[in-house]
Amino acid sequence: MKKIDCSIYRGGTSKGVFLFEKDLAEFGENYDDVLLKIMGSPDVRQIDGLGGAVSTTSKVAIISPEEKEAWDVNYTFAQVAIDKPIVSYAGNCGNISSAVGVFAIESGLVKTTDPITTVKVYNTNTKKVIYEHIPTPDGKLSYEGDFKISGVPGSGLKIELEFIDPAGSMTGKLLPTGNVVDTLTIEGLGEIEVSIVDAANPLVFIEADQVGLTGKESASEIDSNDDRLALLEKIRGAAAEKLGFVKAADQSAKESPGVPKLTLVSKAETYTTVSGETIASDSYDLAVRMMSMQKAHKTIALTGALCTAAACVIAGTIPNQLLKKENQSNHQTKLCFGHGDGLIETTIDYEEPKEGDAIIRSISSYRTARKILTGTVFF
């Protein structure tokens, strides 16, 4: 059997295997076979590897120190499919990103400072830099804290993730098609209006009621209907084809399963989370239900929340039309989104020029993260 040193970290509402690129490189230039074996794919249970049988726990972070540029570490995100022999490097995972800075500190790649250590992370997938502001009182990293996030039991240290200049992460443009709304023709549905926005990750927004949903459903309720899942993938596939991510829409699940991410939005209404908590309509600005790897996300991808914030400040997009809060230009705006298991807050620093797209300087949010395991994985 082969072996490699690894760590497992939770970042936000995701969990992933962290590997050093220098260790992976010993097995050749193509990492896919190694990552599939480590995670136990393809197998719906991932019984023979470290994967957790859902998309949020079938993730890998590949890390290397940076010696020349202005950032501290390089980070490549890999989404390992569960039941298919596919590894996708398209796009980034914001939740896993939140653990990269902590991993860098734990691994001695970054020196700590009192009271905050800022780790500058370069994400190779999107070619964007993330500033991770991590509490290190007296220069010491402690996972103790009273900050809580929806979808994770308990509390932990409050990490601020600041995504710098996040627009055009994969397409080079905030509005990849140049339009705030596009019309797609979908077999079995007809025409549907979508907004395609690229900030931190590219997202395709549709209004939930266009596919027979209220926008208050849980992930399990969305996943319970196979025909609906197939329809949602058709919509995502049509958008992927429009963006040039795939040559044919019906190949989207195979060729570009992770991006663009389909996101259902609706007006803020009172609803009950999967944890039984009642979320009042006046406590958030927009309801969001996101798809991830052809299934409904249990909570929300952090990059999805960030991109939704960007979409909300662009006049005329579908999220902007449904947004409860009025937008104001040239300042920082805080926006709160309701997902299946609670709320997530974002802060967006942007400018709305007289002509052209909005200028997104940065989008921030808070996560918790912690080390779970360090050791050796055999495959």
Protein backbone atom coordinates (compact mmCIF):
# COMPACT_ATOMS: atom_id res chain seq x y z
CA MET A 1 0.00 0.00 0.00
CA LYS A 2 1.00 3.60 -0.55
CA LYS A 3 0.78 6.31 2.08
CA ILE A 4 0.82 10.08 2.46
CA ASP A 5 0.74 12.49 5.39
CA CYS A 6 -2.57 14.27 5.76
CA SER A 7 -4.71 16.40 8.02
CA ILE A 8 -8.47 16.69 8.30
CA TYR A 9 -9.95 20.09 9.06
CA ARG A 10 -13.45 21.42 9.33
CA GLY A 11 -13.85 24.75 7.62
CA GLY A 12 -17.25 26.38 8.07
CA THR A 13 -19.91 23.84 7.14
CA SER A 14 -17.51 21.67 5.13
CA LYS A 15 -14.83 19.16 6.03
CA GLY A 16 -11.82 18.24 3.96
CA VAL A 17 -8.51 16.44 3.69
CA PHE A 18 -5.48 18.76 3.66
CA LEU A 19 -2.37 17.66 1.79
CA PHE A 20 0.94 19.30 0.96
CA GLU A 21 1.51 19.59 -2.77
CA LYS A 22 5.12 18.43 -2.41
CA ASP A 23 3.86 15.14 -0.95
CA LEU A 24 1.28 14.64 -3.69
CA ALA A 25 3.87 15.37 -6.37
CA GLU A 26 5.76 12.22 -5.41
CA PHE A 27 2.95 10.21 -7.04
CA GLY A 28 3.11 12.01 -10.40
CA GLU A 29 1.66 15.11 -12.02
CA ASN A 30 -1.93 13.84 -12.18
CA TYR A 31 -3.39 13.82 -8.69
CA ASP A 32 -6.84 12.49 -9.57
CA ASP A 33 -6.25 8.78 -8.97
CA VAL A 34 -4.58 9.46 -5.62
CA LEU A 35 -7.37 11.76 -4.44
CA LEU A 36 -10.07 9.30 -5.53
CA LYS A 37 -8.41 6.49 -3.57
CA ILE A 38 -7.85 8.65 -0.50
CA MET A 39 -11.51 9.69 -0.43
CA GLY A 40 -12.91 6.27 -1.35
CA SER A 41 -14.54 7.23 -4.64
CA PRO A 42 -16.39 6.16 -6.67
CA ASP A 43 -18.69 4.68 -4.04
CA VAL A 44 -21.89 6.20 -2.66
CA ARG A 45 -20.70 5.37 0.88
CA GLN A 46 -17.00 6.15 0.32
CA ILE A 47 -16.53 3.26 2.73
CA ASP A 48 -12.90 2.60 1.77
CA GLY A 49 -11.62 6.15 2.21
CA LEU A 50 -11.86 9.37 4.17
CA GLY A 51 -14.86 10.86 2.36
CA GLY A 52 -18.10 11.38 4.23
CA ALA A 53 -20.53 10.38 1.44
CA VAL A 54 -21.88 13.93 0.91
CA SER A 55 -20.40 16.69 -1.23
CA THR A 56 -19.58 18.90 1.76
CA THR A 57 -17.27 16.24 3.20
CA SER A 58 -15.68 15.01 -0.03
CA LYS A 59 -13.21 17.84 -0.45
CA VAL A 60 -9.46 18.24 -0.60
CA ALA A 61 -7.17 21.24 -0.03
CA ILE A 62 -3.72 21.08 -1.62
CA ILE A 63 -1.29 23.49 0.04
CA SER A 64 2.15 24.87 -0.74
CA PRO A 65 4.14 27.76 0.76
CA GLU A 66 4.70 30.87 -1.36
CA GLU A 67 8.20 32.31 -1.39
CA LYS A 68 8.14 35.01 -4.08
CA GLU A 69 4.73 36.67 -4.24
CA ALA A 70 2.96 38.93 -1.75
CA TRP A 71 0.79 36.17 -0.33
CA ASP A 72 1.72 33.47 2.19
CA VAL A 73 0.38 30.18 0.86
CA ASN A 74 -1.00 28.68 -2.33
CA TYR A 75 -4.18 26.67 -2.07
CA THR A 76 -5.82 24.46 -4.67
CA PHE A 77 -9.31 23.16 -4.01
CA ALA A 78 -10.45 19.77 -5.31
CA GLN A 79 -14.04 18.53 -5.21
CA VAL A 80 -14.05 14.74 -5.32
CA ALA A 81 -17.23 13.25 -6.74
CA ILE A 82 -18.77 10.55 -4.60
CA ASP A 83 -20.26 8.03 -7.02
CA LYS A 84 -18.21 8.92 -10.11
CA PRO A 85 -14.45 8.81 -10.77
CA ILE A 86 -14.32 12.59 -11.17
CA VAL A 87 -12.19 15.22 -9.47
CA SER A 88 -13.15 18.81 -10.23
CA TYR A 89 -10.76 21.73 -9.80
CA ALA A 90 -13.23 24.25 -11.17
CA GLY A 91 -14.05 27.01 -8.70
CA ASN A 92 -13.24 27.33 -5.02
CA CYS A 93 -14.85 26.28 -1.75
CA GLY A 94 -15.14 29.20 0.63
CA ASN A 95 -15.86 27.02 3.64
CA ILE A 96 -12.73 24.94 3.13
CA SER A 97 -10.86 28.20 2.48
CA SER A 98 -11.62 29.24 6.05
CA ALA A 99 -9.43 26.41 7.36
CA VAL A 100 -6.45 27.14 5.11
CA GLY A 101 -5.14 29.97 7.28
CA VAL A 102 -5.44 27.86 10.41
CA PHE A 103 -3.66 24.98 8.67
CA ALA A 104 -0.89 27.36 7.59
CA ILE A 105 -0.38 28.51 11.17
CA GLU A 106 -0.48 24.95 12.55
CA SER A 107 2.05 23.86 9.91
CA GLY A 108 4.48 26.68 10.68
CA LEU A 109 4.07 28.36 7.29
CA VAL A 110 3.03 31.66 8.86
CA LYS A 111 4.24 33.44 12.00
CA THR A 112 1.51 34.58 14.35
CA THR A 113 1.03 38.10 15.68
CA ASP A 114 -0.95 39.51 18.59
CA PRO A 115 -3.97 39.86 18.56
CA ILE A 116 -4.80 38.94 14.94
CA THR A 117 -2.80 37.01 12.37
CA THR A 118 -3.69 37.76 8.77
CA VAL A 119 -2.89 34.91 6.42
CA LYS A 120 -2.87 35.84 2.74
CA VAL A 121 -4.08 32.87 0.73
CA TYR A 122 -3.84 32.57 -3.05
CA ASN A 123 -6.50 30.30 -4.48
CA THR A 124 -5.14 28.77 -7.67
CA ASN A 125 -8.59 27.72 -8.91
CA THR A 126 -9.88 31.28 -9.17
CA LYS A 127 -6.54 33.14 -9.20
CA LYS A 128 -7.81 35.32 -6.37
CA VAL A 129 -6.38 36.28 -2.97
CA ILE A 130 -8.22 35.79 0.32
CA TYR A 131 -7.23 37.59 3.51
CA GLU A 132 -7.96 35.39 6.51
CA HIS A 133 -7.98 37.31 9.79
CA ILE A 134 -7.52 34.77 12.58
CA PRO A 135 -7.61 35.54 16.33
CA THR A 136 -4.22 34.75 17.90
CA PRO A 137 -4.13 36.46 21.31
CA ASP A 138 -0.55 36.69 22.60
CA GLY A 139 0.45 35.13 19.29
CA LYS A 140 -1.21 31.83 20.14
CA LEU A 141 -3.80 29.96 18.12
CA SER A 142 -6.74 28.74 20.18
CA TYR A 143 -9.83 27.02 18.89
CA GLU A 144 -11.85 28.20 21.87
CA GLY A 145 -14.40 30.89 21.13
CA ASP A 146 -18.04 31.85 21.44
CA PHE A 147 -18.79 32.45 17.76
CA LYS A 148 -21.45 30.20 16.25
CA ILE A 149 -22.42 29.54 12.65
CA SER A 150 -25.57 27.86 11.37
CA GLY A 151 -25.06 24.22 10.41
CA VAL A 152 -22.25 23.53 12.89
CA PRO A 153 -22.83 22.48 16.52
CA GLY A 154 -21.02 24.35 19.24
CA SER A 155 -18.87 27.44 18.91
CA GLY A 156 -15.33 28.34 17.95
CA LEU A 157 -12.89 31.05 16.98
CA LYS A 158 -14.27 33.81 14.75
CA ILE A 159 -12.37 33.91 11.46
CA GLU A 160 -13.00 36.77 9.05
CA LEU A 161 -12.54 35.85 5.40
CA GLU A 162 -12.05 38.81 3.11
CA PHE A 163 -12.21 37.94 -0.58
CA ILE A 164 -10.29 40.65 -2.43
CA ASP A 165 -11.48 41.76 -5.89
CA PRO A 166 -13.61 38.61 -6.26
CA ALA A 167 -15.33 39.47 -9.55
CA GLY A 168 -14.65 37.27 -12.56
CA SER A 169 -13.25 34.33 -10.62
CA MET A 170 -13.60 31.95 -13.58
CA THR A 171 -14.99 34.00 -16.45
CA GLY A 172 -13.10 37.26 -16.03
CA LYS A 173 -16.32 39.24 -15.69
CA LEU A 174 -18.77 40.06 -12.92
CA LEU A 175 -21.58 39.60 -15.46
CA PRO A 176 -20.20 36.91 -17.78
CA THR A 177 -22.89 37.35 -20.43
CA GLY A 178 -23.02 41.13 -20.11
CA ASN A 179 -26.66 40.90 -19.03
CA VAL A 180 -28.33 41.18 -15.63
CA VAL A 181 -30.96 38.69 -16.82
CA ASP A 182 -30.73 36.03 -19.52
CA THR A 183 -33.44 33.75 -20.90
CA LEU A 184 -32.69 30.05 -21.25
CA THR A 185 -34.86 27.52 -23.08
CA ILE A 186 -35.13 24.29 -21.12
CA GLU A 187 -36.62 21.04 -22.40
CA GLY A 188 -39.70 20.17 -20.36
CA LEU A 189 -39.97 23.65 -18.90
CA GLY A 190 -39.77 26.21 -21.68
CA GLU A 191 -38.20 29.60 -21.16
CA ILE A 192 -36.81 30.62 -17.79
CA GLU A 193 -35.10 33.81 -16.70
CA VAL A 194 -31.74 33.51 -14.96
CA SER A 195 -29.07 35.85 -13.67
CA ILE A 196 -25.48 34.69 -14.09
CA VAL A 197 -22.99 36.39 -11.78
CA ASP A 198 -19.33 35.54 -11.17
CA ALA A 199 -17.85 36.69 -7.85
CA ALA A 200 -15.80 34.25 -5.75
CA ASN A 201 -17.53 31.54 -7.83
CA PRO A 202 -19.93 31.72 -10.79
CA LEU A 203 -23.59 31.27 -9.82
CA VAL A 204 -26.80 30.91 -11.81
CA PHE A 205 -29.75 32.45 -10.00
CA ILE A 206 -33.39 31.54 -10.61
CA GLU A 207 -36.51 32.45 -8.71
CA ALA A 208 -37.64 29.41 -6.73
CA ASP A 209 -41.25 29.56 -7.85
CA GLN A 210 -40.18 29.14 -11.48
CA VAL A 211 -39.54 25.47 -10.70
CA GLY A 212 -42.47 24.91 -8.36
CA LEU A 213 -40.70 25.67 -5.08
CA THR A 214 -41.43 28.21 -2.37
CA GLY A 215 -37.82 28.86 -1.42
CA LYS A 216 -38.45 27.68 2.14
CA GLU A 217 -37.72 23.99 1.49
CA SER A 218 -35.03 21.98 3.23
CA ALA A 219 -32.30 20.20 1.29
CA SER A 220 -34.00 16.83 1.83
CA GLU A 221 -37.29 18.18 0.50
CA ILE A 222 -35.60 19.44 -2.65
CA ASP A 223 -33.71 16.17 -3.09
CA SER A 224 -36.83 14.04 -2.62
CA ASN A 225 -38.00 14.59 -6.19
CA ASP A 226 -35.75 13.05 -8.85
CA ASP A 227 -37.59 14.76 -11.71
CA ARG A 228 -37.03 18.13 -10.07
CA LEU A 229 -33.33 17.40 -9.57
CA ALA A 230 -33.05 16.48 -13.24
CA LEU A 231 -34.78 19.73 -14.22
CA LEU A 232 -32.49 21.80 -12.02
CA GLU A 233 -29.45 20.16 -13.59
CA LYS A 234 -30.85 20.92 -17.06
CA ILE A 235 -31.03 24.59 -16.11
CA ARG A 236 -27.52 24.53 -14.67
CA GLY A 237 -26.26 22.67 -17.72
CA ALA A 238 -27.76 25.22 -20.10
CA ALA A 239 -26.00 27.98 -18.18
CA ALA A 240 -22.73 26.00 -18.20
CA GLU A 241 -23.00 25.67 -21.97
CA LYS A 242 -23.71 29.39 -22.33
CA LEU A 243 -20.59 30.15 -20.31
CA GLY A 244 -18.48 27.76 -22.38
CA PHE A 245 -17.78 25.45 -19.45
CA VAL A 246 -19.19 22.51 -21.42
CA LYS A 247 -19.80 21.92 -25.11
CA ALA A 248 -23.23 20.40 -24.54
CA ALA A 249 -25.65 21.09 -21.69
CA ASP A 250 -26.39 17.41 -21.12
CA GLN A 251 -22.72 16.79 -20.27
CA SER A 252 -22.62 19.30 -17.41
CA ALA A 253 -22.79 16.76 -14.57
CA LYS A 254 -19.77 14.95 -16.01
CA GLU A 255 -17.62 17.76 -17.44
CA SER A 256 -18.33 20.60 -14.99
CA PRO A 257 -20.27 19.20 -12.04
CA GLY A 258 -19.37 21.91 -9.55
CA VAL A 259 -19.72 25.17 -11.46
CA PRO A 260 -21.65 27.21 -12.19
CA LYS A 261 -23.65 26.65 -9.02
CA LEU A 262 -27.42 26.78 -9.40
CA THR A 263 -29.02 28.93 -6.72
CA LEU A 264 -32.72 29.35 -6.00
CA VAL A 265 -33.74 32.66 -4.45
CA SER A 266 -37.00 34.04 -3.07
CA LYS A 267 -38.27 36.87 -0.92
CA ALA A 268 -37.62 36.70 2.81
CA GLU A 269 -40.44 34.89 4.61
CA THR A 270 -40.70 33.28 8.03
CA TYR A 271 -39.60 29.63 7.92
CA THR A 272 -38.39 26.78 10.11
CA THR A 273 -34.88 25.41 9.73
CA VAL A 274 -34.00 21.71 9.70
CA SER A 275 -32.83 22.22 13.28
CA GLY A 276 -36.30 23.39 14.30
CA GLU A 277 -35.42 27.08 14.68
CA THR A 278 -37.94 29.65 13.48
CA ILE A 279 -36.38 32.35 11.31
CA ALA A 280 -38.49 35.50 11.15
CA SER A 281 -38.89 37.25 7.82
CA ASP A 282 -37.58 40.52 9.24
CA SER A 283 -34.29 38.94 10.37
CA TYR A 284 -32.79 38.46 6.91
CA ASP A 285 -32.80 39.96 3.43
CA LEU A 286 -33.14 37.09 0.92
CA ALA A 287 -33.93 33.37 0.99
CA VAL A 288 -31.32 31.20 -0.73
CA ARG A 289 -31.31 27.49 -1.54
CA MET A 290 -28.19 26.30 -3.34
CA MET A 291 -27.37 23.19 -5.32
CA SER A 292 -24.02 21.43 -4.96
CA MET A 293 -22.86 18.52 -7.12
CA GLN A 294 -26.41 17.78 -8.34
CA LYS A 295 -27.88 17.76 -4.84
CA ALA A 296 -29.25 20.47 -2.57
CA HIS A 297 -26.65 22.00 -0.26
CA LYS A 298 -27.49 21.35 3.39
CA THR A 299 -26.67 24.98 4.24
CA ILE A 300 -24.91 27.26 1.75
CA ALA A 301 -21.52 27.42 0.12
CA LEU A 302 -19.60 30.40 1.48
CA THR A 303 -18.60 31.46 -2.02
CA GLY A 304 -22.28 31.16 -2.90
CA ALA A 305 -23.21 33.60 -0.15
CA LEU A 306 -20.49 35.99 -1.33
CA CYS A 307 -21.62 35.82 -4.95
CA THR A 308 -25.22 36.31 -3.86
CA ALA A 309 -24.15 39.48 -2.05
CA ALA A 310 -22.55 40.72 -5.26
CA ALA A 311 -25.68 39.90 -7.26
CA CYS A 312 -27.82 41.78 -4.76
CA VAL A 313 -26.03 45.07 -5.39
CA ILE A 314 -26.30 44.83 -9.18
CA ALA A 315 -29.49 46.59 -10.24
CA GLY A 316 -31.86 44.38 -12.19
CA THR A 317 -30.57 40.93 -11.30
CA ILE A 318 -33.08 38.42 -9.97
CA PRO A 319 -31.62 38.54 -6.42
CA ASN A 320 -31.66 42.34 -6.57
CA GLN A 321 -35.32 42.34 -7.59
CA LEU A 322 -36.27 40.08 -4.66
CA LEU A 323 -34.06 41.75 -2.07
CA LYS A 324 -35.81 43.26 0.92
CA LYS A 325 -33.13 45.82 1.67
CA GLU A 326 -32.60 48.84 -0.57
CA ASN A 327 -29.10 49.12 -1.94
CA GLN A 328 -26.92 52.16 -1.54
CA SER A 329 -23.82 52.80 -3.62
CA ASN A 330 -20.23 53.56 -2.70
CA HIS A 331 -20.21 52.07 0.78
CA GLN A 332 -20.15 48.84 2.73
CA THR A 333 -23.45 46.99 2.82
CA LYS A 334 -24.29 44.16 5.18
CA LEU A 335 -26.60 41.51 3.77
CA CYS A 336 -28.05 38.49 5.56
CA PHE A 337 -29.29 35.38 3.75
CA GLY A 338 -31.57 32.62 5.00
CA HIS A 339 -30.62 29.04 4.07
CA GLY A 340 -31.99 25.65 5.08
CA ASP A 341 -30.28 25.58 8.47
CA GLY A 342 -30.13 29.23 9.47
CA LEU A 343 -28.56 32.54 8.49
CA ILE A 344 -25.30 33.79 7.06
CA GLU A 345 -24.14 37.40 7.08
CA THR A 346 -21.92 39.07 4.50
CA THR A 347 -20.36 42.49 4.11
CA ILE A 348 -19.72 43.84 0.62
CA ASP A 349 -17.55 46.84 -0.20
CA TYR A 350 -18.53 48.05 -3.63
CA GLU A 351 -19.00 51.01 -5.91
CA GLU A 352 -21.77 51.55 -8.41
CA PRO A 353 -20.38 53.71 -11.23
CA LYS A 354 -22.57 55.74 -13.55
CA GLU A 355 -21.62 53.43 -16.40
CA GLY A 356 -20.58 49.78 -16.44
CA ASP A 357 -20.76 46.97 -13.92
CA ALA A 358 -20.57 47.45 -10.19
CA ILE A 359 -17.02 47.44 -8.85
CA ILE A 360 -16.67 44.88 -6.07
CA ARG A 361 -13.69 45.76 -3.90
CA SER A 362 -14.16 42.94 -1.42
CA ILE A 363 -16.76 40.67 0.15
CA SER A 364 -16.37 39.34 3.67
CA SER A 365 -18.00 36.83 5.96
CA TYR A 366 -17.20 34.94 9.15
CA ARG A 367 -16.62 31.23 9.68
CA THR A 368 -15.24 28.91 12.32
CA ALA A 369 -12.66 26.21 11.60
CA ARG A 370 -10.67 23.64 13.52
CA LYS A 371 -8.16 20.84 13.23
CA ILE A 372 -9.69 17.39 13.58
CA LEU A 373 -6.87 14.99 12.75
CA THR A 374 -3.27 14.77 11.63
CA GLY A 375 -1.78 11.49 10.53
CA THR A 376 -1.10 9.17 7.62
CA VAL A 377 -3.61 7.89 5.10
CA PHE A 378 -2.97 4.59 3.31
CA PHE A 379 -4.35 3.82 -0.13
